Amino acid sequence: MERDVLITFISGGARSGKSNFSEHTALSFYNKAQENKRNSSLYYIATAKKSDEEMAERIRIHQKQRINAWKTVEESFDLVPFLSDCQKGDVILIDCLTIWLSNVMFERNYRIDRIETAVNSWLRLAREHQFHLLIVSNDINEDIPSSDQVALTYMHCLQRLHQIIVQQSELVVQVQAGIPTYWKGVK
């Protein structure tokens, strides 16, 4: 019997096509649940805040591209209360880890242990409640390392989260120029 994919990690650079790919992947999980007569929901957790006109326009475009089946949840900090209420077969897309981390590090001053605890809680809830959790993140460490200590701390924390999530994921995909490379799991 094929094991259900509960946790999926999708990464890529800026404008790599990872959001589009992750939305299509989430939608395929949702459609499969509907075919199996599961009463599931399709959620998009938006971690970005409308901080300026450019961000507001990007959010508007993303919302317009999604079909009506999506239920959007805007949550920039604490995802655990929402995830705690998700049910078996639900499909939840978190877009994106990079922005969420920035929010909690720089606006809430979370330390690495609290950040790791939060992310591990997401993963634990997906397993306990048996919902599909897709986490989107950016590849940011492929250039020359920054000499700025704050940037380095952020980058190291993000990479630590990537390792935690990848270790617990059934499916890991990196998107470059719209082309997915499957690092763990199968298509």
N, C-alpha and C. Protein backbone atom coordinates (compact mmCIF):
# COMPACT_ATOMS: atom_id res chain seq x y z
N MET A 1 0.84 -1.19 0.00
CA MET A 1 0.00 0.00 0.00
C MET A 1 0.89 1.25 0.00
N GLU A 2 0.57 2.20 -0.85
CA GLU A 2 1.35 3.42 -0.96
C GLU A 2 1.14 4.30 0.27
N ARG A 3 2.23 4.77 0.84
CA ARG A 3 2.16 5.63 2.01
C ARG A 3 1.70 7.02 1.61
N ASP A 4 0.78 7.58 2.38
CA ASP A 4 0.30 8.93 2.12
C ASP A 4 1.42 9.94 2.30
N VAL A 5 1.45 10.93 1.44
CA VAL A 5 2.39 12.04 1.60
C VAL A 5 1.70 13.05 2.51
N LEU A 6 2.21 13.19 3.71
CA LEU A 6 1.63 14.15 4.65
C LEU A 6 2.39 15.45 4.65
N ILE A 7 3.73 15.38 4.55
CA ILE A 7 4.54 16.60 4.62
C ILE A 7 5.36 16.73 3.34
N THR A 8 5.22 17.90 2.72
CA THR A 8 5.93 18.22 1.48
C THR A 8 6.69 19.52 1.68
N PHE A 9 7.95 19.54 1.28
CA PHE A 9 8.77 20.74 1.36
C PHE A 9 9.14 21.14 -0.07
N ILE A 10 8.86 22.40 -0.40
CA ILE A 10 9.14 22.92 -1.74
C ILE A 10 9.97 24.18 -1.60
N SER A 11 11.14 24.19 -2.25
CA SER A 11 12.00 25.37 -2.19
C SER A 11 12.38 25.82 -3.59
N GLY A 12 12.93 27.01 -3.64
CA GLY A 12 13.40 27.56 -4.90
C GLY A 12 13.81 29.01 -4.68
N GLY A 13 14.46 29.56 -5.65
CA GLY A 13 14.87 30.96 -5.58
C GLY A 13 13.70 31.89 -5.83
N ALA A 14 13.95 33.18 -5.70
CA ALA A 14 12.92 34.18 -5.97
C ALA A 14 12.45 34.05 -7.41
N ARG A 15 11.14 34.06 -7.59
CA ARG A 15 10.50 33.98 -8.91
C ARG A 15 10.88 32.71 -9.69
N SER A 16 11.12 31.62 -8.95
CA SER A 16 11.52 30.36 -9.59
C SER A 16 10.34 29.53 -10.10
N GLY A 17 9.14 29.88 -9.67
CA GLY A 17 7.96 29.09 -10.02
C GLY A 17 7.51 28.17 -8.90
N LYS A 18 8.12 28.32 -7.72
CA LYS A 18 7.81 27.41 -6.61
C LYS A 18 6.39 27.60 -6.08
N SER A 19 5.88 28.83 -6.06
CA SER A 19 4.51 29.04 -5.57
C SER A 19 3.50 28.41 -6.51
N ASN A 20 3.68 28.59 -7.78
CA ASN A 20 2.78 27.98 -8.77
C ASN A 20 2.84 26.45 -8.66
N PHE A 21 4.04 25.91 -8.58
CA PHE A 21 4.21 24.47 -8.46
C PHE A 21 3.55 23.96 -7.18
N SER A 22 3.75 24.66 -6.07
CA SER A 22 3.19 24.21 -4.79
C SER A 22 1.67 24.26 -4.80
N GLU A 23 1.10 25.28 -5.45
CA GLU A 23 -0.36 25.37 -5.54
C GLU A 23 -0.92 24.22 -6.37
N HIS A 24 -0.26 23.89 -7.47
CA HIS A 24 -0.71 22.76 -8.30
C HIS A 24 -0.58 21.43 -7.53
N THR A 25 0.49 21.28 -6.76
CA THR A 25 0.68 20.06 -5.98
C THR A 25 -0.40 19.95 -4.90
N ALA A 26 -0.66 21.05 -4.20
CA ALA A 26 -1.70 21.05 -3.17
C ALA A 26 -3.06 20.72 -3.78
N LEU A 27 -3.33 21.31 -4.91
CA LEU A 27 -4.60 21.07 -5.59
C LEU A 27 -4.74 19.61 -6.00
N SER A 28 -3.63 18.98 -6.41
CA SER A 28 -3.70 17.56 -6.78
C SER A 28 -4.00 16.69 -5.56
N PHE A 29 -3.41 17.02 -4.39
CA PHE A 29 -3.74 16.30 -3.16
C PHE A 29 -5.23 16.47 -2.82
N TYR A 30 -5.72 17.69 -2.96
CA TYR A 30 -7.11 18.00 -2.66
C TYR A 30 -8.05 17.24 -3.61
N ASN A 31 -7.74 17.26 -4.90
CA ASN A 31 -8.58 16.55 -5.87
C ASN A 31 -8.61 15.05 -5.60
N LYS A 32 -7.46 14.50 -5.19
CA LYS A 32 -7.41 13.07 -4.86
C LYS A 32 -8.30 12.78 -3.65
N ALA A 33 -8.27 13.67 -2.67
CA ALA A 33 -9.13 13.48 -1.49
C ALA A 33 -10.60 13.55 -1.88
N GLN A 34 -10.94 14.45 -2.79
CA GLN A 34 -12.33 14.57 -3.25
C GLN A 34 -12.76 13.32 -4.01
N GLU A 35 -11.86 12.76 -4.83
CA GLU A 35 -12.17 11.52 -5.55
C GLU A 35 -12.41 10.36 -4.60
N ASN A 36 -11.71 10.38 -3.46
CA ASN A 36 -11.87 9.33 -2.46
C ASN A 36 -13.01 9.63 -1.49
N LYS A 37 -13.84 10.62 -1.86
CA LYS A 37 -15.02 10.99 -1.08
C LYS A 37 -14.69 11.46 0.34
N ARG A 38 -13.53 12.07 0.50
CA ARG A 38 -13.17 12.66 1.79
C ARG A 38 -13.73 14.08 1.86
N ASN A 39 -14.22 14.43 3.01
CA ASN A 39 -14.73 15.78 3.22
C ASN A 39 -13.55 16.65 3.67
N SER A 40 -12.74 17.06 2.72
CA SER A 40 -11.54 17.81 3.07
C SER A 40 -11.64 19.25 2.59
N SER A 41 -10.77 20.08 3.13
CA SER A 41 -10.70 21.48 2.74
C SER A 41 -9.31 21.79 2.21
N LEU A 42 -9.23 22.84 1.41
CA LEU A 42 -7.98 23.27 0.79
C LEU A 42 -7.66 24.67 1.31
N TYR A 43 -6.58 24.78 2.09
CA TYR A 43 -6.23 26.04 2.75
C TYR A 43 -4.90 26.59 2.24
N TYR A 44 -4.87 27.89 2.13
CA TYR A 44 -3.64 28.62 1.78
C TYR A 44 -3.33 29.53 2.96
N ILE A 45 -2.25 29.22 3.68
CA ILE A 45 -1.83 30.09 4.78
C ILE A 45 -0.84 31.09 4.22
N ALA A 46 -1.26 32.34 4.19
CA ALA A 46 -0.43 33.43 3.68
C ALA A 46 0.29 34.07 4.87
N THR A 47 1.62 33.98 4.86
CA THR A 47 2.39 34.54 5.96
C THR A 47 2.81 35.98 5.71
N ALA A 48 2.70 36.44 4.46
CA ALA A 48 3.11 37.80 4.12
C ALA A 48 2.07 38.82 4.59
N LYS A 49 2.56 39.98 4.90
CA LYS A 49 1.69 41.09 5.29
C LYS A 49 1.72 42.13 4.18
N LYS A 50 0.64 42.84 4.04
CA LYS A 50 0.55 43.90 3.03
C LYS A 50 1.34 45.11 3.53
N SER A 51 2.65 45.03 3.40
CA SER A 51 3.54 46.05 3.96
C SER A 51 3.69 47.27 3.06
N ASP A 52 3.47 47.09 1.76
CA ASP A 52 3.58 48.21 0.83
C ASP A 52 2.74 47.89 -0.41
N GLU A 53 2.69 48.81 -1.35
CA GLU A 53 1.86 48.62 -2.55
C GLU A 53 2.33 47.45 -3.41
N GLU A 54 3.64 47.26 -3.52
CA GLU A 54 4.16 46.14 -4.31
C GLU A 54 3.72 44.81 -3.72
N MET A 55 3.84 44.68 -2.39
CA MET A 55 3.44 43.43 -1.74
C MET A 55 1.92 43.24 -1.86
N ALA A 56 1.16 44.29 -1.71
CA ALA A 56 -0.30 44.20 -1.85
C ALA A 56 -0.67 43.72 -3.25
N GLU A 57 0.03 44.22 -4.27
CA GLU A 57 -0.23 43.80 -5.65
C GLU A 57 0.15 42.33 -5.86
N ARG A 58 1.27 41.89 -5.31
CA ARG A 58 1.68 40.48 -5.44
C ARG A 58 0.65 39.57 -4.78
N ILE A 59 0.15 39.97 -3.60
CA ILE A 59 -0.86 39.18 -2.90
C ILE A 59 -2.14 39.12 -3.74
N ARG A 60 -2.55 40.25 -4.29
CA ARG A 60 -3.76 40.30 -5.12
C ARG A 60 -3.64 39.36 -6.32
N ILE A 61 -2.49 39.37 -6.98
CA ILE A 61 -2.27 38.51 -8.15
C ILE A 61 -2.34 37.04 -7.76
N HIS A 62 -1.67 36.68 -6.65
CA HIS A 62 -1.70 35.29 -6.18
C HIS A 62 -3.13 34.85 -5.87
N GLN A 63 -3.89 35.72 -5.19
CA GLN A 63 -5.27 35.37 -4.85
C GLN A 63 -6.12 35.18 -6.09
N LYS A 64 -5.94 36.03 -7.07
CA LYS A 64 -6.71 35.97 -8.31
C LYS A 64 -6.43 34.67 -9.08
N GLN A 65 -5.20 34.18 -9.00
CA GLN A 65 -4.81 32.98 -9.74
C GLN A 65 -5.37 31.70 -9.13
N ARG A 66 -5.69 31.74 -7.83
CA ARG A 66 -6.19 30.53 -7.17
C ARG A 66 -7.68 30.35 -7.44
N ILE A 67 -8.08 29.08 -7.63
CA ILE A 67 -9.49 28.78 -7.88
C ILE A 67 -10.28 28.94 -6.59
N ASN A 68 -11.60 28.92 -6.72
CA ASN A 68 -12.48 29.18 -5.58
C ASN A 68 -12.40 28.13 -4.48
N ALA A 69 -11.86 26.96 -4.74
CA ALA A 69 -11.79 25.92 -3.71
C ALA A 69 -10.88 26.33 -2.55
N TRP A 70 -9.96 27.24 -2.79
CA TRP A 70 -9.01 27.68 -1.77
C TRP A 70 -9.70 28.53 -0.70
N LYS A 71 -9.34 28.26 0.54
CA LYS A 71 -9.73 29.12 1.67
C LYS A 71 -8.44 29.76 2.17
N THR A 72 -8.36 31.07 2.10
CA THR A 72 -7.13 31.76 2.49
C THR A 72 -7.18 32.15 3.97
N VAL A 73 -6.09 31.84 4.65
CA VAL A 73 -5.91 32.20 6.06
C VAL A 73 -4.69 33.11 6.11
N GLU A 74 -4.86 34.32 6.58
CA GLU A 74 -3.73 35.24 6.71
C GLU A 74 -3.22 35.16 8.14
N GLU A 75 -2.03 34.59 8.30
CA GLU A 75 -1.42 34.44 9.62
C GLU A 75 0.08 34.62 9.49
N SER A 76 0.59 35.65 10.10
CA SER A 76 2.00 36.00 9.98
C SER A 76 2.87 35.44 11.10
N PHE A 77 2.26 34.98 12.19
CA PHE A 77 3.05 34.59 13.34
C PHE A 77 2.74 33.19 13.88
N ASP A 78 1.56 32.99 14.43
CA ASP A 78 1.25 31.77 15.16
C ASP A 78 0.31 30.87 14.36
N LEU A 79 0.88 29.86 13.71
CA LEU A 79 0.11 28.95 12.86
C LEU A 79 -0.48 27.78 13.63
N VAL A 80 0.02 27.51 14.84
CA VAL A 80 -0.40 26.33 15.59
C VAL A 80 -1.90 26.32 15.90
N PRO A 81 -2.51 27.42 16.35
CA PRO A 81 -3.96 27.35 16.62
C PRO A 81 -4.78 26.93 15.39
N PHE A 82 -4.46 27.48 14.23
CA PHE A 82 -5.18 27.08 13.03
C PHE A 82 -4.93 25.62 12.68
N LEU A 83 -3.65 25.21 12.66
CA LEU A 83 -3.30 23.84 12.30
C LEU A 83 -3.91 22.83 13.27
N SER A 84 -4.08 23.23 14.52
CA SER A 84 -4.67 22.33 15.52
C SER A 84 -6.11 21.96 15.19
N ASP A 85 -6.79 22.81 14.43
CA ASP A 85 -8.18 22.55 14.05
C ASP A 85 -8.33 21.85 12.71
N CYS A 86 -7.24 21.62 12.00
CA CYS A 86 -7.32 20.97 10.69
C CYS A 86 -7.62 19.49 10.87
N GLN A 87 -8.32 18.94 9.87
CA GLN A 87 -8.83 17.57 9.95
C GLN A 87 -8.10 16.64 8.98
N LYS A 88 -8.31 15.35 9.18
CA LYS A 88 -7.75 14.33 8.30
C LYS A 88 -8.17 14.61 6.86
N GLY A 89 -7.20 14.58 5.96
CA GLY A 89 -7.46 14.79 4.55
C GLY A 89 -7.41 16.24 4.10
N ASP A 90 -7.41 17.20 5.03
CA ASP A 90 -7.28 18.60 4.64
C ASP A 90 -5.93 18.81 3.98
N VAL A 91 -5.85 19.82 3.13
CA VAL A 91 -4.60 20.17 2.45
C VAL A 91 -4.29 21.61 2.83
N ILE A 92 -3.11 21.80 3.44
CA ILE A 92 -2.70 23.12 3.92
C ILE A 92 -1.38 23.50 3.28
N LEU A 93 -1.37 24.63 2.60
CA LEU A 93 -0.17 25.16 1.96
C LEU A 93 0.28 26.38 2.75
N ILE A 94 1.51 26.35 3.26
CA ILE A 94 2.09 27.50 3.95
C ILE A 94 3.04 28.19 2.99
N ASP A 95 2.73 29.42 2.65
CA ASP A 95 3.56 30.18 1.71
C ASP A 95 3.82 31.56 2.32
N CYS A 96 4.98 31.80 2.88
CA CYS A 96 6.13 30.92 2.86
C CYS A 96 6.89 30.97 4.18
N LEU A 97 7.71 29.96 4.38
CA LEU A 97 8.52 29.83 5.59
C LEU A 97 9.48 31.00 5.74
N THR A 98 10.03 31.47 4.65
CA THR A 98 11.03 32.54 4.67
C THR A 98 10.44 33.82 5.27
N ILE A 99 9.24 34.16 4.83
CA ILE A 99 8.59 35.37 5.35
C ILE A 99 8.15 35.15 6.79
N TRP A 100 7.61 33.97 7.09
CA TRP A 100 7.21 33.67 8.46
C TRP A 100 8.40 33.82 9.40
N LEU A 101 9.54 33.27 9.02
CA LEU A 101 10.73 33.36 9.86
C LEU A 101 11.13 34.82 10.08
N SER A 102 11.11 35.60 9.04
CA SER A 102 11.42 37.03 9.16
C SER A 102 10.45 37.71 10.14
N ASN A 103 9.17 37.38 10.02
CA ASN A 103 8.17 37.96 10.91
C ASN A 103 8.47 37.65 12.37
N VAL A 104 8.69 36.37 12.67
CA VAL A 104 8.86 35.99 14.09
C VAL A 104 10.22 36.39 14.63
N MET A 105 11.25 36.41 13.79
CA MET A 105 12.58 36.81 14.27
C MET A 105 12.67 38.31 14.52
N PHE A 106 12.16 39.09 13.59
CA PHE A 106 12.40 40.53 13.64
C PHE A 106 11.26 41.34 14.24
N GLU A 107 10.05 40.80 14.26
CA GLU A 107 8.94 41.53 14.87
C GLU A 107 8.58 41.00 16.25
N ARG A 108 8.81 39.72 16.46
CA ARG A 108 8.47 39.11 17.75
C ARG A 108 9.71 38.70 18.55
N ASN A 109 10.87 38.83 17.97
CA ASN A 109 12.15 38.50 18.63
C ASN A 109 12.21 37.06 19.13
N TYR A 110 11.62 36.12 18.36
CA TYR A 110 11.72 34.71 18.72
C TYR A 110 13.17 34.26 18.59
N ARG A 111 13.58 33.43 19.53
CA ARG A 111 14.90 32.82 19.47
C ARG A 111 14.77 31.48 18.75
N ILE A 112 15.91 30.92 18.36
CA ILE A 112 15.93 29.71 17.54
C ILE A 112 15.18 28.55 18.19
N ASP A 113 15.29 28.38 19.50
CA ASP A 113 14.60 27.26 20.15
C ASP A 113 13.09 27.39 20.03
N ARG A 114 12.56 28.60 20.18
CA ARG A 114 11.12 28.81 20.05
C ARG A 114 10.67 28.63 18.59
N ILE A 115 11.51 29.04 17.66
CA ILE A 115 11.21 28.89 16.23
C ILE A 115 11.16 27.41 15.86
N GLU A 116 12.16 26.65 16.29
CA GLU A 116 12.19 25.21 16.01
C GLU A 116 11.00 24.50 16.64
N THR A 117 10.63 24.90 17.85
CA THR A 117 9.49 24.29 18.53
C THR A 117 8.21 24.52 17.72
N ALA A 118 8.04 25.74 17.21
CA ALA A 118 6.85 26.05 16.41
C ALA A 118 6.80 25.18 15.16
N VAL A 119 7.89 25.10 14.42
CA VAL A 119 7.92 24.33 13.18
C VAL A 119 7.72 22.83 13.48
N ASN A 120 8.35 22.34 14.52
CA ASN A 120 8.14 20.93 14.89
C ASN A 120 6.69 20.67 15.27
N SER A 121 6.02 21.66 15.86
CA SER A 121 4.60 21.52 16.18
C SER A 121 3.76 21.40 14.92
N TRP A 122 4.10 22.17 13.87
CA TRP A 122 3.37 22.05 12.60
C TRP A 122 3.46 20.62 12.07
N LEU A 123 4.70 20.10 12.09
CA LEU A 123 4.95 18.77 11.54
C LEU A 123 4.25 17.69 12.37
N ARG A 124 4.30 17.85 13.69
CA ARG A 124 3.63 16.89 14.58
C ARG A 124 2.12 16.90 14.35
N LEU A 125 1.55 18.10 14.21
CA LEU A 125 0.10 18.19 13.99
C LEU A 125 -0.31 17.55 12.66
N ALA A 126 0.50 17.71 11.64
CA ALA A 126 0.19 17.08 10.35
C ALA A 126 0.11 15.57 10.50
N ARG A 127 1.04 15.01 11.24
CA ARG A 127 1.05 13.55 11.44
C ARG A 127 -0.12 13.11 12.33
N GLU A 128 -0.33 13.83 13.44
CA GLU A 128 -1.40 13.45 14.37
C GLU A 128 -2.78 13.56 13.73
N HIS A 129 -3.01 14.64 13.00
CA HIS A 129 -4.34 14.89 12.42
C HIS A 129 -4.47 14.31 11.01
N GLN A 130 -3.35 13.83 10.45
CA GLN A 130 -3.34 13.21 9.12
C GLN A 130 -3.79 14.16 8.01
N PHE A 131 -3.28 15.41 8.04
CA PHE A 131 -3.55 16.31 6.94
C PHE A 131 -2.28 16.51 6.12
N HIS A 132 -2.47 16.96 4.89
CA HIS A 132 -1.35 17.23 4.00
C HIS A 132 -0.83 18.64 4.30
N LEU A 133 0.44 18.76 4.59
CA LEU A 133 1.06 20.04 4.89
C LEU A 133 2.16 20.30 3.88
N LEU A 134 2.00 21.34 3.10
CA LEU A 134 3.01 21.74 2.12
C LEU A 134 3.64 23.04 2.60
N ILE A 135 4.96 23.04 2.72
CA ILE A 135 5.69 24.21 3.20
C ILE A 135 6.59 24.71 2.09
N VAL A 136 6.42 25.98 1.73
CA VAL A 136 7.20 26.61 0.67
C VAL A 136 8.25 27.50 1.31
N SER A 137 9.48 27.47 0.76
CA SER A 137 10.55 28.32 1.28
C SER A 137 11.47 28.75 0.15
N ASN A 138 12.30 29.72 0.45
CA ASN A 138 13.26 30.24 -0.53
C ASN A 138 14.65 29.67 -0.31
N ASP A 139 15.35 29.45 -1.40
CA ASP A 139 16.77 29.11 -1.34
C ASP A 139 17.52 30.44 -1.28
N ILE A 140 18.14 30.73 -0.15
CA ILE A 140 18.80 32.03 -0.01
C ILE A 140 20.29 31.95 0.25
N ASN A 141 20.82 30.76 0.37
CA ASN A 141 22.23 30.64 0.74
C ASN A 141 23.12 30.21 -0.41
N GLU A 142 22.73 30.52 -1.63
CA GLU A 142 23.50 30.05 -2.76
C GLU A 142 24.45 31.11 -3.32
N ASP A 143 24.50 32.27 -2.68
CA ASP A 143 25.43 33.32 -3.09
C ASP A 143 26.60 33.37 -2.11
N ILE A 144 27.44 34.36 -2.29
CA ILE A 144 28.53 34.59 -1.34
C ILE A 144 27.92 34.97 -0.01
N PRO A 145 28.34 34.34 1.09
CA PRO A 145 27.74 34.65 2.39
C PRO A 145 27.89 36.12 2.75
N SER A 146 26.86 36.62 3.39
CA SER A 146 26.85 38.00 3.85
C SER A 146 27.81 38.16 5.03
N SER A 147 28.36 39.33 5.19
CA SER A 147 29.20 39.60 6.35
C SER A 147 28.38 40.22 7.48
N ASP A 148 27.10 40.52 7.19
CA ASP A 148 26.21 41.09 8.19
C ASP A 148 25.76 40.00 9.17
N GLN A 149 25.97 40.21 10.46
CA GLN A 149 25.67 39.19 11.46
C GLN A 149 24.18 38.87 11.53
N VAL A 150 23.32 39.87 11.39
CA VAL A 150 21.88 39.63 11.42
C VAL A 150 21.46 38.76 10.23
N ALA A 151 21.98 39.08 9.06
CA ALA A 151 21.67 38.28 7.86
C ALA A 151 22.18 36.85 8.01
N LEU A 152 23.38 36.70 8.55
CA LEU A 152 23.93 35.36 8.77
C LEU A 152 23.10 34.55 9.76
N THR A 153 22.67 35.19 10.83
CA THR A 153 21.85 34.51 11.83
C THR A 153 20.54 34.06 11.21
N TYR A 154 19.92 34.93 10.44
CA TYR A 154 18.67 34.59 9.75
C TYR A 154 18.89 33.41 8.80
N MET A 155 19.94 33.49 7.99
CA MET A 155 20.23 32.44 7.02
C MET A 155 20.50 31.10 7.71
N HIS A 156 21.27 31.13 8.78
CA HIS A 156 21.57 29.88 9.50
C HIS A 156 20.31 29.30 10.12
N CYS A 157 19.45 30.14 10.65
CA CYS A 157 18.19 29.67 11.23
C CYS A 157 17.31 29.05 10.15
N LEU A 158 17.20 29.73 9.01
CA LEU A 158 16.38 29.20 7.92
C LEU A 158 16.91 27.85 7.44
N GLN A 159 18.22 27.74 7.32
CA GLN A 159 18.80 26.47 6.88
C GLN A 159 18.57 25.36 7.90
N ARG A 160 18.58 25.70 9.17
CA ARG A 160 18.28 24.72 10.22
C ARG A 160 16.83 24.24 10.08
N LEU A 161 15.91 25.17 9.84
CA LEU A 161 14.51 24.80 9.64
C LEU A 161 14.34 23.92 8.41
N HIS A 162 15.06 24.26 7.33
CA HIS A 162 15.01 23.42 6.13
C HIS A 162 15.41 21.98 6.46
N GLN A 163 16.48 21.83 7.22
CA GLN A 163 16.95 20.48 7.58
C GLN A 163 15.91 19.73 8.40
N ILE A 164 15.30 20.41 9.37
CA ILE A 164 14.27 19.78 10.20
C ILE A 164 13.09 19.32 9.34
N ILE A 165 12.63 20.21 8.48
CA ILE A 165 11.46 19.89 7.65
C ILE A 165 11.78 18.79 6.64
N VAL A 166 12.91 18.89 5.98
CA VAL A 166 13.30 17.89 4.98
C VAL A 166 13.41 16.51 5.62
N GLN A 167 13.99 16.45 6.80
CA GLN A 167 14.15 15.17 7.49
C GLN A 167 12.80 14.49 7.72
N GLN A 168 11.75 15.29 7.98
CA GLN A 168 10.45 14.73 8.30
C GLN A 168 9.48 14.69 7.12
N SER A 169 9.91 15.16 5.97
CA SER A 169 9.05 15.21 4.78
C SER A 169 9.09 13.90 4.00
N GLU A 170 7.95 13.56 3.41
CA GLU A 170 7.92 12.43 2.49
C GLU A 170 8.29 12.88 1.07
N LEU A 171 8.05 14.16 0.77
CA LEU A 171 8.31 14.69 -0.56
C LEU A 171 9.07 16.00 -0.43
N VAL A 172 10.22 16.10 -1.13
CA VAL A 172 11.05 17.31 -1.12
C VAL A 172 11.36 17.67 -2.56
N VAL A 173 11.01 18.91 -2.93
CA VAL A 173 11.16 19.36 -4.31
C VAL A 173 11.82 20.73 -4.32
N GLN A 174 12.74 20.91 -5.26
CA GLN A 174 13.35 22.21 -5.50
C GLN A 174 12.95 22.64 -6.91
N VAL A 175 12.46 23.88 -7.02
CA VAL A 175 12.01 24.39 -8.31
C VAL A 175 13.00 25.44 -8.80
N GLN A 176 13.46 25.26 -10.04
CA GLN A 176 14.37 26.22 -10.67
C GLN A 176 13.83 26.49 -12.07
N ALA A 177 13.60 27.77 -12.37
CA ALA A 177 13.07 28.18 -13.68
C ALA A 177 11.81 27.40 -14.05
N GLY A 178 10.99 27.13 -13.03
CA GLY A 178 9.73 26.44 -13.26
C GLY A 178 9.85 24.93 -13.37
N ILE A 179 11.05 24.40 -13.27
CA ILE A 179 11.26 22.95 -13.42
C ILE A 179 11.53 22.33 -12.05
N PRO A 180 10.71 21.35 -11.64
CA PRO A 180 10.91 20.72 -10.35
C PRO A 180 11.97 19.62 -10.39
N THR A 181 12.80 19.60 -9.36
CA THR A 181 13.74 18.51 -9.14
C THR A 181 13.32 17.83 -7.84
N TYR A 182 13.04 16.53 -7.92
CA TYR A 182 12.57 15.78 -6.76
C TYR A 182 13.78 15.22 -6.02
N TRP A 183 14.00 15.70 -4.81
CA TRP A 183 15.14 15.26 -4.02
C TRP A 183 14.79 14.11 -3.09
N LYS A 184 13.52 14.03 -2.72
CA LYS A 184 13.09 12.97 -1.80
C LYS A 184 11.64 12.65 -2.14
N GLY A 185 11.33 11.38 -2.20
CA GLY A 185 9.99 10.97 -2.57
C GLY A 185 9.85 10.88 -4.08
N VAL A 186 8.66 10.59 -4.51
CA VAL A 186 8.41 10.44 -5.94
C VAL A 186 7.34 11.42 -6.39
N LYS A 187 7.30 11.63 -7.71
CA LYS A 187 6.27 12.50 -8.29
C LYS A 187 4.90 11.93 -8.06
